[in-house]
Structures are given as C-alpha cells and as structure tokens.
Amino acid sequence: MLNKAKELKNFKLNCLDGEIGKVKEFYFDDQYWTIRYMIANTGGWLTGRQVLLSPNSISSIDKEEEYINMKLTKAQIENSPSLDSDKPVSRQFEEKFYGYFQLPMYWGGMEMGGAGGVFIPYPIIENEKEKLVKSKKKSDPHLRSSHNVSGYNIQGLDGDIGHVEDFIIDDETWEIRYLIIDTQNWLPGKKILLAPQWIENVSWEESKVFVNFKCEDIKQSPEYTEETILDRNFETSLFQHYNREGYWHAGSEVRNDFVK
C-alpha cells in the first residue's frame, strides 16, 4: 500500500506488549530512495529520547487506528543503541544497530535495497558501484531526513517548477515511489507526482532536485489531489505522460545516479 510520509507522522507505535512512542520522521538513503529507518519519539515512555527503528521490525500499519504495529517488545526498543540526536547516523552506529536487532544489513554484496536487504529496487550502474565503494570507505551511509528534504526546490530543464511537499512510500518494499511536488508558486493550487527514477541529480548543498523535463511537460502532468486514488490506472497515466515504463514492469529502465 502507498502511504504519505507526513500521514504516518505521529502514528503510535504498538509493540508486542503495549505502546511506546510515535513516529517523528524517516531516514532514506540517497542512492536507492528507500526508507532505512523510522525515527520514533518516545517522549512519555523512555524519558523522551529518540530511537531508530528498521522497517524490517514493522509487522503492519493500521491507518484507521493510526498505529504502526511492531514485531518488538518495549524492552527491546528501550535497550536499543542510543542515538545522539545532534550527530548524523554513522556506519559504526548502523553496524551496532543491526547487530543488536539481528537484522540483515542493507549494504554490501547483493543485498542492496529494500528494508532488510532482500531485493534491489534499482539496478546498480557502473559509476554507482564506484560510489558505493567510496562511500563505504568514508563510512558515509548517505542517509537523508524526509523532514529536511521537504521544501527542496524542483529544477526543470528551463526553470524552477515547485518544491517537494511530501513523499509517498510503498509500505511493502519501503521504497519512495513518488515525491509530491507543490507547484502553487507557479501553478496555483496544483500538485503533481514525480518518481525518484526520473530525477537527474540532487544538489544537497543547494537544496535542489533536478529533473530532465521541461516545465511545460510537468505542468501538463496528471494532477494529484487529496482525493486522488493512487491505483494502477492513475500510475499508468502518469508514467505514460512522461513516456516512461512503469516500475511494476520487470526490466524497466531506471536511473540511479542521484548523488551530485
């Protein structure tokens, strides 16, 4: 099922033995646009500290009751590695984290992508392999905050066209399927969707997302509203508009060179 990241914010975490906190935001990696961690605020439960949780530890999402059901006990979360909120997540911390929860690490070998390293969401092209080797040497996991990236400007081939408002997440694979783009400064009231594989590159320093489309093409894309049903019919019309093959087709060509 597809869910908006901001909709999941403040969902309560339901452990095997009771509640323990609420969702604050998500960390995704900037090479595969896949959610790696959910940041939970445990204020009122664990003296207010923030903890990281892997999507692999989620059993289900109850949108009606606004619960995220976990496959963990409260004690397991209480005793999890402590994260310094003022420091970025390091590879050293991640290794400790995955060791504690006994989960497969998402980097290395053929287990790149997916919440727990069980599939590859985007093919690795040659220069991406080189980047992965370099990033491992630098111990840089390339994690980005969904909260911080919201607001990034969208740069088309011939100008600015809007900004990132939210992300649509597939809760089966935990891939980011779409970025919700608000174009109200250019097109009053209209929002559209862009898939991560259509992104040419991202300048994290300039807070800009570059796409290889003209602004007019983006203007004419199917409108996304709160009432839009994100079914395969809508997705098909979206991909057809940009003359791209849907991600649901095996072997569809995607681009993964996101890091500038």
Protein backbone atom coordinates (compact mmCIF):
# COMPACT_ATOMS: atom_id res chain seq x y z
CA MET A 1 0.00 0.00 0.00
CA LEU A 2 1.12 3.55 -0.72
CA ASN A 3 1.27 5.99 2.21
CA LYS A 4 2.30 9.62 2.53
CA ALA A 5 5.21 10.13 4.91
CA LYS A 6 3.51 13.05 6.66
CA GLU A 7 0.37 10.97 7.17
CA LEU A 8 2.40 8.39 9.06
CA LYS A 9 3.93 11.08 11.25
CA ASN A 10 2.61 10.84 14.82
CA PHE A 11 1.24 7.33 14.27
CA LYS A 12 1.56 5.46 17.56
CA LEU A 13 3.98 2.56 17.84
CA ASN A 14 2.27 -0.57 19.10
CA CYS A 15 4.78 -3.11 20.43
CA LEU A 16 4.03 -6.72 21.32
CA ASP A 17 3.38 -5.59 24.89
CA GLY A 18 1.93 -2.08 24.50
CA GLU A 19 2.57 1.41 23.16
CA ILE A 20 5.97 3.06 23.32
CA GLY A 21 6.03 6.24 21.24
CA LYS A 22 5.16 7.97 17.98
CA VAL A 23 6.67 8.32 14.51
CA LYS A 24 8.64 11.53 14.04
CA GLU A 25 10.14 11.20 10.55
CA PHE A 26 12.05 8.86 8.24
CA TYR A 27 15.62 8.45 7.01
CA PHE A 28 16.11 7.31 3.42
CA ASP A 29 19.32 6.64 1.55
CA ASP A 30 20.09 8.95 -1.34
CA GLN A 31 21.27 6.19 -3.69
CA TYR A 32 18.19 3.97 -3.71
CA TRP A 33 15.47 6.25 -2.33
CA THR A 34 14.45 3.56 0.10
CA ILE A 35 13.44 4.12 3.72
CA ARG A 36 16.13 2.70 6.00
CA TYR A 37 14.91 3.95 9.37
CA MET A 38 11.88 5.30 11.13
CA ILE A 39 12.71 7.85 13.82
CA ALA A 40 10.49 7.43 16.84
CA ASN A 41 9.89 9.96 19.59
CA THR A 42 9.42 8.10 22.87
CA GLY A 43 8.51 11.13 24.98
CA GLY A 44 6.41 9.96 27.91
CA TRP A 45 7.72 6.42 27.54
CA LEU A 46 11.52 6.44 27.56
CA THR A 47 12.37 9.78 29.16
CA GLY A 48 11.82 11.42 25.79
CA ARG A 49 14.74 10.03 23.82
CA GLN A 50 14.61 9.38 20.08
CA VAL A 51 15.27 5.91 18.70
CA LEU A 52 15.79 4.46 15.25
CA LEU A 53 13.71 1.51 14.07
CA SER A 54 14.09 -0.52 10.91
CA PRO A 55 11.09 -1.11 8.61
CA ASN A 56 12.04 -4.78 8.97
CA SER A 57 10.69 -4.58 12.52
CA ILE A 58 7.24 -3.42 11.37
CA SER A 59 4.53 -6.06 11.09
CA SER A 60 1.65 -3.91 9.79
CA ILE A 61 0.15 -0.42 9.59
CA ASP A 62 -3.35 0.33 10.88
CA LYS A 63 -4.35 3.59 9.18
CA GLU A 64 -7.79 3.63 10.80
CA GLU A 65 -6.43 3.49 14.34
CA GLU A 66 -3.22 5.32 13.36
CA TYR A 67 -0.99 2.56 14.70
CA ILE A 68 2.23 1.07 13.39
CA ASN A 69 2.47 -2.45 14.79
CA MET A 70 5.96 -3.58 15.69
CA LYS A 71 7.47 -7.06 15.95
CA LEU A 72 9.39 -5.90 19.03
CA THR A 73 8.80 -5.62 22.74
CA LYS A 74 9.11 -2.36 24.62
CA ALA A 75 12.23 -3.69 26.35
CA GLN A 76 13.92 -4.37 23.02
CA ILE A 77 13.38 -0.76 21.99
CA GLU A 78 14.28 0.59 25.43
CA ASN A 79 17.63 -1.21 25.33
CA SER A 80 18.44 -0.39 21.71
CA PRO A 81 21.63 1.56 20.85
CA SER A 82 21.36 5.20 21.87
CA LEU A 83 21.45 7.75 19.05
CA ASP A 84 22.96 11.21 19.52
CA SER A 85 20.27 13.48 18.10
CA ASP A 86 22.79 16.19 17.19
CA LYS A 87 25.03 13.87 15.16
CA PRO A 88 24.47 12.13 11.80
CA VAL A 89 23.98 8.38 11.74
CA SER A 90 27.38 6.77 11.22
CA ARG A 91 28.14 3.40 9.66
CA GLN A 92 29.60 2.36 13.01
CA PHE A 93 26.27 3.08 14.70
CA GLU A 94 24.40 1.21 11.96
CA GLU A 95 26.56 -1.89 12.41
CA LYS A 96 25.86 -1.79 16.14
CA PHE A 97 22.15 -1.24 15.46
CA TYR A 98 21.78 -4.15 13.04
CA GLY A 99 23.81 -6.40 15.33
CA TYR A 100 21.55 -5.57 18.29
CA PHE A 101 18.32 -6.27 16.41
CA GLN A 102 19.86 -9.20 14.49
CA LEU A 103 18.74 -7.83 11.15
CA PRO A 104 20.47 -8.14 7.75
CA MET A 105 22.42 -5.03 6.82
CA TYR A 106 21.18 -3.33 3.65
CA TRP A 107 24.64 -2.54 2.24
CA GLY A 108 27.20 -4.84 0.69
CA GLY A 109 27.03 -7.77 -1.71
CA MET A 110 23.75 -8.47 -3.45
CA GLU A 111 21.66 -7.28 -0.52
CA MET A 112 21.34 -3.64 -1.51
CA GLY A 113 17.92 -2.14 -1.30
CA GLY A 114 14.68 -2.95 0.38
CA ALA A 115 14.04 -2.56 4.06
CA GLY A 116 16.15 -5.52 5.05
CA GLY A 117 18.34 -6.15 2.06
CA VAL A 118 16.03 -8.69 0.42
CA PHE A 119 15.84 -7.16 -3.06
CA ILE A 120 17.36 -4.47 -5.27
CA PRO A 121 14.94 -1.64 -6.04
CA TYR A 122 17.08 -0.01 -8.72
CA PRO A 123 19.83 -1.58 -10.86
CA ILE A 124 23.35 -0.56 -9.88
CA ILE A 125 25.13 1.06 -12.81
CA GLU A 126 28.90 1.07 -13.01
CA ASN A 127 29.57 4.53 -11.62
CA GLU A 128 27.14 3.78 -8.80
CA LYS A 129 29.23 0.77 -7.81
CA GLU A 130 32.24 3.04 -7.57
CA LYS A 131 30.30 5.47 -5.39
CA LEU A 132 29.24 2.65 -3.10
CA VAL A 133 32.85 1.56 -2.65
CA LYS A 134 33.90 5.15 -1.92
CA SER A 135 31.02 5.72 0.46
CA LYS A 136 31.86 2.55 2.39
CA LYS A 137 35.48 3.71 2.72
CA LYS A 138 34.28 7.05 4.05
CA SER A 139 31.78 5.28 6.36
CA ASP A 140 29.09 7.56 4.94
CA PRO A 141 25.68 5.83 4.79
CA HIS A 142 24.18 8.70 2.72
CA LEU A 143 21.09 8.95 4.88
CA ARG A 144 18.71 11.88 4.37
CA SER A 145 15.87 13.12 6.54
CA SER A 146 12.40 13.18 4.98
CA HIS A 147 11.70 16.29 7.06
CA ASN A 148 14.81 18.13 5.85
CA VAL A 149 14.33 17.28 2.16
CA SER A 150 10.73 18.53 2.24
CA GLY A 151 10.92 22.02 0.79
CA TYR A 152 13.69 21.30 -1.73
CA ASN A 153 13.13 23.18 -5.00
CA ILE A 154 12.41 21.30 -8.23
CA GLN A 155 14.52 22.46 -11.18
CA GLY A 156 13.30 21.56 -14.68
CA LEU A 157 15.29 21.95 -17.88
CA ASP A 158 14.08 25.53 -18.31
CA GLY A 159 13.43 26.80 -14.79
CA ASP A 160 12.01 26.18 -11.33
CA ILE A 161 8.64 24.44 -11.14
CA GLY A 162 7.85 23.84 -7.46
CA HIS A 163 9.09 22.25 -4.27
CA VAL A 164 8.97 18.89 -2.50
CA GLU A 165 6.00 18.74 -0.18
CA ASP A 166 5.95 15.09 0.85
CA PHE A 167 6.90 11.53 -0.08
CA ILE A 168 4.74 8.56 -1.00
CA ILE A 169 6.12 5.35 0.47
CA ASP A 170 5.36 1.77 -0.53
CA ASP A 171 4.92 0.01 2.82
CA GLU A 172 5.67 -3.40 1.31
CA THR A 173 9.13 -2.55 -0.01
CA TRP A 174 9.66 0.78 1.82
CA GLU A 175 10.77 2.41 -1.41
CA ILE A 176 9.85 6.02 -2.01
CA ARG A 177 7.59 5.67 -5.04
CA TYR A 178 6.86 9.36 -5.58
CA LEU A 179 7.74 12.84 -4.46
CA ILE A 180 4.69 15.07 -4.06
CA ILE A 181 5.52 18.39 -5.73
CA ASP A 182 3.67 21.57 -4.84
CA THR A 183 3.68 23.94 -7.82
CA GLN A 184 1.43 26.60 -6.27
CA ASN A 185 4.01 29.35 -6.77
CA TRP A 186 3.91 28.60 -10.49
CA LEU A 187 0.56 26.82 -11.00
CA PRO A 188 -1.93 27.98 -8.36
CA GLY A 189 -3.20 25.04 -6.35
CA LYS A 190 -1.81 22.23 -8.49
CA LYS A 191 0.23 19.35 -7.12
CA ILE A 192 1.89 16.65 -9.19
CA LEU A 193 3.94 13.49 -8.60
CA LEU A 194 7.48 12.71 -9.72
CA ALA A 195 9.11 9.29 -9.41
CA PRO A 196 12.66 9.15 -7.97
CA GLN A 197 13.96 7.34 -11.05
CA TRP A 198 13.12 10.41 -13.12
CA ILE A 199 15.48 12.56 -11.09
CA GLU A 200 18.62 13.62 -12.93
CA ASN A 201 20.52 14.52 -9.78
CA VAL A 202 20.17 16.22 -6.41
CA SER A 203 22.28 19.05 -5.07
CA TRP A 204 22.12 18.61 -1.32
CA GLU A 205 24.16 21.78 -0.86
CA GLU A 206 21.70 23.91 -2.85
CA SER A 207 18.59 22.01 -1.67
CA LYS A 208 17.59 21.39 -5.29
CA VAL A 209 16.21 18.41 -7.19
CA PHE A 210 16.94 18.39 -10.94
CA VAL A 211 14.67 16.63 -13.42
CA ASN A 212 15.18 16.16 -17.15
CA PHE A 213 11.76 17.54 -18.12
CA LYS A 214 10.65 20.91 -19.42
CA CYS A 215 8.42 22.90 -17.09
CA GLU A 216 5.57 22.71 -19.60
CA ASP A 217 5.71 18.90 -19.52
CA ILE A 218 5.45 18.98 -15.74
CA LYS A 219 2.57 21.49 -15.92
CA GLN A 220 0.59 19.14 -18.15
CA SER A 221 1.13 16.05 -15.98
CA PRO A 222 -1.85 14.45 -14.17
CA GLU A 223 -2.90 16.49 -11.15
CA TYR A 224 -2.58 14.93 -7.71
CA THR A 225 -5.11 15.91 -5.03
CA GLU A 226 -6.14 14.64 -1.61
CA GLU A 227 -8.97 12.78 -3.36
CA THR A 228 -6.72 11.09 -5.93
CA ILE A 229 -6.86 7.31 -5.78
CA LEU A 230 -3.33 6.07 -6.32
CA ASP A 231 -4.29 2.96 -8.20
CA ARG A 232 -2.55 1.38 -11.18
CA ASN A 233 -4.74 3.35 -13.61
CA PHE A 234 -3.51 6.68 -12.22
CA GLU A 235 0.09 5.44 -12.08
CA THR A 236 -0.12 4.21 -15.67
CA SER A 237 -1.41 7.58 -16.89
CA LEU A 238 1.42 9.31 -15.01
CA PHE A 239 4.15 7.12 -16.50
CA GLN A 240 2.61 7.37 -19.96
CA HIS A 241 2.60 11.16 -19.73
CA TYR A 242 6.38 11.15 -19.23
CA ASN A 243 6.83 8.32 -21.75
CA ARG A 244 8.41 6.09 -19.12
CA GLU A 245 7.83 2.44 -18.38
CA GLY A 246 6.20 1.69 -15.04
CA TYR A 247 8.30 0.40 -12.16
CA TRP A 248 5.97 -2.64 -11.99
CA HIS A 249 7.33 -3.90 -15.33
CA ALA A 250 10.30 -6.21 -14.90
CA GLY A 251 13.41 -4.83 -16.53
CA SER A 252 12.12 -1.27 -16.79
CA GLU A 253 14.98 1.17 -17.25
CA VAL A 254 15.64 3.41 -14.28
CA ARG A 255 18.31 5.88 -13.34
CA ASN A 256 20.15 5.69 -10.07
CA ASP A 257 22.79 8.41 -10.36
CA PHE A 258 21.28 10.67 -7.69
CA VAL A 259 24.28 11.91 -5.75
CA LYS A 260 25.92 15.04 -7.10
